[in-house]
Amino acid sequence: MPPETVEVRRSSRRRRTVSAYRDGEKTIVLLPAGLSSNDEEQWVRRMLDRLAAKEQRRRPSDDDLMERARDLSVRYLDGRATPSSVRWVDNQQHRWGSCTPDNGTIRISTRLRGMPSWVVDYVIIHELVHLLVPSHGPRFWALVEHYPRAERARGFLEGFSMAANSPTEEW
């Protein structure tokens, strides 16, 4: 992986605060103008670490997804849904997730990375319920509704799809 490009911007108006954000492939670190070069180096390193930790929380690994799925199954489905695997996939452009009940695999679209965790949890719950009920009938939706933010998450995803000017996503 190539080294990270960091741009440091100093401001005479900035007195005590330090902040950082990503701008494409570059990280911008905003510092007070009077900060020493030694302090600058420490703050840049600290801010890069903070951004990386934040991104890791927002972009869990496949192992993290599996752990979340197990936890969600216990919390909202009495532990009855037990997937064999849960993983991110890049090939779902019209679905948020999919499930193969026959072998217990769940796939979550990478388009969800960076979305609020309660939205990702809703998609995981939706797919976990398919391990118990393959169709989208009343029993299926009753189980999905055990997740307290189900309606809110559905609305979020519908709004996201509308804002992206794309048709409502399929399951």
C-alpha atoms as a PDB file:
ATOM      1  CA  MET A   1       0.000   0.000   0.000  1.00  0.00           C
ATOM      2  CA  PRO A   2       1.463   3.412  -0.921  1.00  0.00           C
ATOM      3  CA  PRO A   3       2.268   5.876   1.853  1.00  0.00           C
ATOM      4  CA  GLU A   4      -0.534   8.166   2.867  1.00  0.00           C
ATOM      5  CA  THR A   5      -0.588  11.702   1.453  1.00  0.00           C
ATOM      6  CA  VAL A   6      -1.008  14.224   4.244  1.00  0.00           C
ATOM      7  CA  GLU A   7      -1.524  17.943   3.779  1.00  0.00           C
ATOM      8  CA  VAL A   8      -1.035  20.116   6.853  1.00  0.00           C
ATOM      9  CA  ARG A   9      -2.879  23.412   6.887  1.00  0.00           C
ATOM     10  CA  ARG A  10      -2.015  25.970   9.542  1.00  0.00           C
ATOM     11  CA  SER A  11      -4.352  28.778  10.505  1.00  0.00           C
ATOM     12  CA  SER A  12      -3.680  31.876  12.575  1.00  0.00           C
ATOM     13  CA  ARG A  13      -7.376  31.882  13.560  1.00  0.00           C
ATOM     14  CA  ARG A  14      -7.097  28.379  14.980  1.00  0.00           C
ATOM     15  CA  ARG A  15      -5.813  28.642  18.564  1.00  0.00           C
ATOM     16  CA  ARG A  16      -6.215  25.303  20.358  1.00  0.00           C
ATOM     17  CA  THR A  17      -8.037  22.803  18.200  1.00  0.00           C
ATOM     18  CA  VAL A  18      -6.654  20.230  15.814  1.00  0.00           C
ATOM     19  CA  SER A  19      -8.821  18.364  13.325  1.00  0.00           C
ATOM     20  CA  ALA A  20      -8.423  16.081  10.343  1.00  0.00           C
ATOM     21  CA  TYR A  21     -10.507  14.690   7.517  1.00  0.00           C
ATOM     22  CA  ARG A  22     -10.145  12.687   4.335  1.00  0.00           C
ATOM     23  CA  ASP A  23     -10.399  14.411   0.960  1.00  0.00           C
ATOM     24  CA  GLY A  24     -10.243  11.674  -1.652  1.00  0.00           C
ATOM     25  CA  GLU A  25      -6.833  10.017  -1.437  1.00  0.00           C
ATOM     26  CA  LYS A  26      -5.442  12.786   0.781  1.00  0.00           C
ATOM     27  CA  THR A  27      -5.739  13.502   4.513  1.00  0.00           C
ATOM     28  CA  ILE A  28      -6.023  17.146   5.551  1.00  0.00           C
ATOM     29  CA  VAL A  29      -4.825  18.030   9.072  1.00  0.00           C
ATOM     30  CA  LEU A  30      -5.792  21.470  10.391  1.00  0.00           C
ATOM     31  CA  LEU A  31      -3.446  22.926  13.020  1.00  0.00           C
ATOM     32  CA  PRO A  32      -2.940  26.216  14.881  1.00  0.00           C
ATOM     33  CA  ALA A  33      -0.269  28.356  13.175  1.00  0.00           C
ATOM     34  CA  GLY A  34       1.849  28.655  16.342  1.00  0.00           C
ATOM     35  CA  LEU A  35       2.348  24.905  16.866  1.00  0.00           C
ATOM     36  CA  SER A  36       6.004  23.746  16.864  1.00  0.00           C
ATOM     37  CA  SER A  37       7.181  21.302  14.193  1.00  0.00           C
ATOM     38  CA  ASN A  38       7.710  18.646  16.869  1.00  0.00           C
ATOM     39  CA  ASP A  39       4.124  19.105  18.101  1.00  0.00           C
ATOM     40  CA  GLU A  40       2.934  19.090  14.493  1.00  0.00           C
ATOM     41  CA  GLU A  41       4.509  15.691  13.904  1.00  0.00           C
ATOM     42  CA  GLN A  42       2.881  14.250  17.049  1.00  0.00           C
ATOM     43  CA  TRP A  43      -0.530  15.731  16.199  1.00  0.00           C
ATOM     44  CA  VAL A  44      -0.434  14.482  12.616  1.00  0.00           C
ATOM     45  CA  ARG A  45       0.382  10.961  13.797  1.00  0.00           C
ATOM     46  CA  ARG A  46      -2.349  11.133  16.468  1.00  0.00           C
ATOM     47  CA  MET A  47      -4.970  12.389  13.997  1.00  0.00           C
ATOM     48  CA  LEU A  48      -4.081   9.709  11.421  1.00  0.00           C
ATOM     49  CA  ASP A  49      -4.487   7.058  14.115  1.00  0.00           C
ATOM     50  CA  ARG A  50      -7.860   8.508  15.140  1.00  0.00           C
ATOM     51  CA  LEU A  51      -9.131   8.579  11.559  1.00  0.00           C
ATOM     52  CA  ALA A  52      -7.981   5.001  10.974  1.00  0.00           C
ATOM     53  CA  ALA A  53      -9.729   3.810  14.151  1.00  0.00           C
ATOM     54  CA  LYS A  54     -12.922   5.642  13.190  1.00  0.00           C
ATOM     55  CA  GLU A  55     -12.857   4.153   9.694  1.00  0.00           C
ATOM     56  CA  GLN A  56     -12.274   0.666  11.089  1.00  0.00           C
ATOM     57  CA  ARG A  57     -15.355   1.032  13.299  1.00  0.00           C
ATOM     58  CA  ARG A  58     -17.402   2.162  10.309  1.00  0.00           C
ATOM     59  CA  ARG A  59     -15.986  -0.484   7.952  1.00  0.00           C
ATOM     60  CA  PRO A  60     -15.976  -3.776   9.822  1.00  0.00           C
ATOM     61  CA  SER A  61     -14.214  -6.849   8.442  1.00  0.00           C
ATOM     62  CA  ASP A  62     -15.925 -10.104   7.461  1.00  0.00           C
ATOM     63  CA  ASP A  63     -15.025 -11.503  10.900  1.00  0.00           C
ATOM     64  CA  ASP A  64     -16.619  -8.452  12.523  1.00  0.00           C
ATOM     65  CA  LEU A  65     -19.767  -8.993  10.422  1.00  0.00           C
ATOM     66  CA  MET A  66     -19.977 -12.622  11.536  1.00  0.00           C
ATOM     67  CA  GLU A  67     -19.621 -11.599  15.174  1.00  0.00           C
ATOM     68  CA  ARG A  68     -22.309  -8.926  14.746  1.00  0.00           C
ATOM     69  CA  ALA A  69     -24.624 -11.433  13.092  1.00  0.00           C
ATOM     70  CA  ARG A  70     -24.243 -13.883  15.973  1.00  0.00           C
ATOM     71  CA  ASP A  71     -24.891 -11.122  18.506  1.00  0.00           C
ATOM     72  CA  LEU A  72     -27.948  -9.825  16.608  1.00  0.00           C
ATOM     73  CA  SER A  73     -29.338 -13.361  16.320  1.00  0.00           C
ATOM     74  CA  VAL A  74     -29.057 -13.826  20.085  1.00  0.00           C
ATOM     75  CA  ARG A  75     -30.504 -10.402  20.904  1.00  0.00           C
ATOM     76  CA  TYR A  76     -33.442 -10.344  18.490  1.00  0.00           C
ATOM     77  CA  LEU A  77     -34.036 -13.902  17.242  1.00  0.00           C
ATOM     78  CA  ASP A  78     -33.360 -15.964  20.376  1.00  0.00           C
ATOM     79  CA  GLY A  79     -30.163 -17.269  18.749  1.00  0.00           C
ATOM     80  CA  ARG A  80     -32.152 -19.343  16.249  1.00  0.00           C
ATOM     81  CA  ALA A  81     -30.493 -17.927  13.113  1.00  0.00           C
ATOM     82  CA  THR A  82     -26.991 -19.351  12.812  1.00  0.00           C
ATOM     83  CA  PRO A  83     -25.190 -18.367   9.612  1.00  0.00           C
ATOM     84  CA  SER A  84     -22.235 -20.382   8.358  1.00  0.00           C
ATOM     85  CA  SER A  85     -20.633 -17.197   6.998  1.00  0.00           C
ATOM     86  CA  VAL A  86     -21.300 -13.473   6.715  1.00  0.00           C
ATOM     87  CA  ARG A  87     -19.134 -11.448   4.371  1.00  0.00           C
ATOM     88  CA  TRP A  88     -18.871  -8.253   2.335  1.00  0.00           C
ATOM     89  CA  VAL A  89     -19.314  -8.562  -1.437  1.00  0.00           C
ATOM     90  CA  ASP A  90     -18.706  -6.089  -4.277  1.00  0.00           C
ATOM     91  CA  ASN A  91     -21.066  -7.618  -6.828  1.00  0.00           C
ATOM     92  CA  GLN A  92     -24.417  -6.461  -5.397  1.00  0.00           C
ATOM     93  CA  GLN A  93     -25.405  -3.265  -7.173  1.00  0.00           C
ATOM     94  CA  HIS A  94     -29.171  -3.690  -6.759  1.00  0.00           C
ATOM     95  CA  ARG A  95     -29.396  -5.418  -3.382  1.00  0.00           C
ATOM     96  CA  TRP A  96     -28.269  -4.484   0.106  1.00  0.00           C
ATOM     97  CA  GLY A  97     -27.749  -8.105   1.082  1.00  0.00           C
ATOM     98  CA  SER A  98     -28.558 -11.660   0.143  1.00  0.00           C
ATOM     99  CA  CYS A  99     -28.840 -15.009   1.845  1.00  0.00           C
ATOM    100  CA  THR A 100     -28.656 -18.645   0.787  1.00  0.00           C
ATOM    101  CA  PRO A 101     -30.659 -20.517   3.439  1.00  0.00           C
ATOM    102  CA  ASP A 102     -29.533 -23.930   2.113  1.00  0.00           C
ATOM    103  CA  ASN A 103     -25.931 -23.373   3.177  1.00  0.00           C
ATOM    104  CA  GLY A 104     -26.356 -20.507   5.661  1.00  0.00           C
ATOM    105  CA  THR A 105     -24.290 -17.920   3.803  1.00  0.00           C
ATOM    106  CA  ILE A 106     -25.067 -14.215   4.047  1.00  0.00           C
ATOM    107  CA  ARG A 107     -23.559 -11.605   1.764  1.00  0.00           C
ATOM    108  CA  ILE A 108     -23.681  -7.868   2.550  1.00  0.00           C
ATOM    109  CA  SER A 109     -23.140  -5.266  -0.171  1.00  0.00           C
ATOM    110  CA  THR A 110     -20.014  -3.157   0.261  1.00  0.00           C
ATOM    111  CA  ARG A 111     -22.238  -0.174  -0.624  1.00  0.00           C
ATOM    112  CA  LEU A 112     -23.328  -0.311   3.038  1.00  0.00           C
ATOM    113  CA  ARG A 113     -19.803   0.344   4.311  1.00  0.00           C
ATOM    114  CA  GLY A 114     -19.704   3.659   6.080  1.00  0.00           C
ATOM    115  CA  MET A 115     -23.463   3.741   6.710  1.00  0.00           C
ATOM    116  CA  PRO A 116     -24.698   3.968  10.302  1.00  0.00           C
ATOM    117  CA  SER A 117     -24.220   0.723  12.219  1.00  0.00           C
ATOM    118  CA  TRP A 118     -27.953   0.439  12.973  1.00  0.00           C
ATOM    119  CA  VAL A 119     -28.636   0.380   9.204  1.00  0.00           C
ATOM    120  CA  VAL A 120     -26.041  -2.350   8.610  1.00  0.00           C
ATOM    121  CA  ASP A 121     -27.502  -4.241  11.584  1.00  0.00           C
ATOM    122  CA  TYR A 122     -30.955  -4.040  10.003  1.00  0.00           C
ATOM    123  CA  VAL A 123     -29.677  -5.561   6.752  1.00  0.00           C
ATOM    124  CA  ILE A 124     -27.947  -8.321   8.718  1.00  0.00           C
ATOM    125  CA  ILE A 125     -31.171  -8.996  10.672  1.00  0.00           C
ATOM    126  CA  HIS A 126     -33.142  -9.094   7.415  1.00  0.00           C
ATOM    127  CA  GLU A 127     -30.772 -11.717   6.021  1.00  0.00           C
ATOM    128  CA  LEU A 128     -30.649 -13.673   9.299  1.00  0.00           C
ATOM    129  CA  VAL A 129     -34.440 -13.951   9.244  1.00  0.00           C
ATOM    130  CA  HIS A 130     -34.152 -15.513   5.781  1.00  0.00           C
ATOM    131  CA  LEU A 131     -32.302 -18.392   7.451  1.00  0.00           C
ATOM    132  CA  LEU A 132     -35.539 -19.021   9.368  1.00  0.00           C
ATOM    133  CA  VAL A 133     -38.145 -17.938   6.804  1.00  0.00           C
ATOM    134  CA  PRO A 134     -37.023 -17.933   3.145  1.00  0.00           C
ATOM    135  CA  SER A 135     -39.925 -15.837   1.788  1.00  0.00           C
ATOM    136  CA  HIS A 136     -41.083 -12.277   2.528  1.00  0.00           C
ATOM    137  CA  GLY A 137     -44.431 -13.276   4.057  1.00  0.00           C
ATOM    138  CA  PRO A 138     -46.094 -12.019   7.256  1.00  0.00           C
ATOM    139  CA  ARG A 139     -44.057 -14.381   9.485  1.00  0.00           C
ATOM    140  CA  PHE A 140     -40.832 -13.064   7.939  1.00  0.00           C
ATOM    141  CA  TRP A 141     -41.722  -9.404   8.539  1.00  0.00           C
ATOM    142  CA  ALA A 142     -42.916 -10.123  12.089  1.00  0.00           C
ATOM    143  CA  LEU A 143     -39.464 -11.510  12.909  1.00  0.00           C
ATOM    144  CA  VAL A 144     -37.670  -8.599  11.220  1.00  0.00           C
ATOM    145  CA  GLU A 145     -39.733  -6.208  13.358  1.00  0.00           C
ATOM    146  CA  HIS A 146     -38.077  -7.635  16.486  1.00  0.00           C
ATOM    147  CA  TYR A 147     -35.237  -5.290  15.562  1.00  0.00           C
ATOM    148  CA  PRO A 148     -36.346  -1.976  17.136  1.00  0.00           C
ATOM    149  CA  ARG A 149     -34.917   0.236  14.372  1.00  0.00           C
ATOM    150  CA  ALA A 150     -36.273  -1.825  11.466  1.00  0.00           C
ATOM    151  CA  GLU A 151     -38.730   0.760  10.154  1.00  0.00           C
ATOM    152  CA  ARG A 152     -36.251   3.608  10.592  1.00  0.00           C
ATOM    153  CA  ALA A 153     -33.507   1.672   8.777  1.00  0.00           C
ATOM    154  CA  ARG A 154     -35.845   0.786   5.894  1.00  0.00           C
ATOM    155  CA  GLY A 155     -36.703   4.478   5.565  1.00  0.00           C
ATOM    156  CA  PHE A 156     -33.007   5.401   5.638  1.00  0.00           C
ATOM    157  CA  LEU A 157     -32.205   2.942   2.840  1.00  0.00           C
ATOM    158  CA  GLU A 158     -35.175   4.063   0.751  1.00  0.00           C
ATOM    159  CA  GLY A 159     -34.131   7.696   1.194  1.00  0.00           C
ATOM    160  CA  PHE A 160     -30.551   6.851   0.313  1.00  0.00           C
ATOM    161  CA  SER A 161     -31.701   5.115  -2.874  1.00  0.00           C
ATOM    162  CA  MET A 162     -33.899   8.058  -3.830  1.00  0.00           C
ATOM    163  CA  ALA A 163     -31.097  10.557  -3.184  1.00  0.00           C
ATOM    164  CA  ALA A 164     -28.767   8.478  -5.346  1.00  0.00           C
ATOM    165  CA  ASN A 165     -31.412   8.683  -8.079  1.00  0.00           C
ATOM    166  CA  SER A 166     -31.683   4.950  -8.282  1.00  0.00           C
ATOM    167  CA  PRO A 167     -34.721   2.705  -7.992  1.00  0.00           C
ATOM    168  CA  THR A 168     -35.651   1.320  -4.581  1.00  0.00           C
ATOM    169  CA  GLU A 169     -33.331  -1.542  -3.760  1.00  0.00           C
ATOM    170  CA  GLU A 170     -34.416  -5.153  -3.929  1.00  0.00           C
ATOM    171  CA  TRP A 171     -33.742  -7.804  -1.289  1.00  0.00           C
END
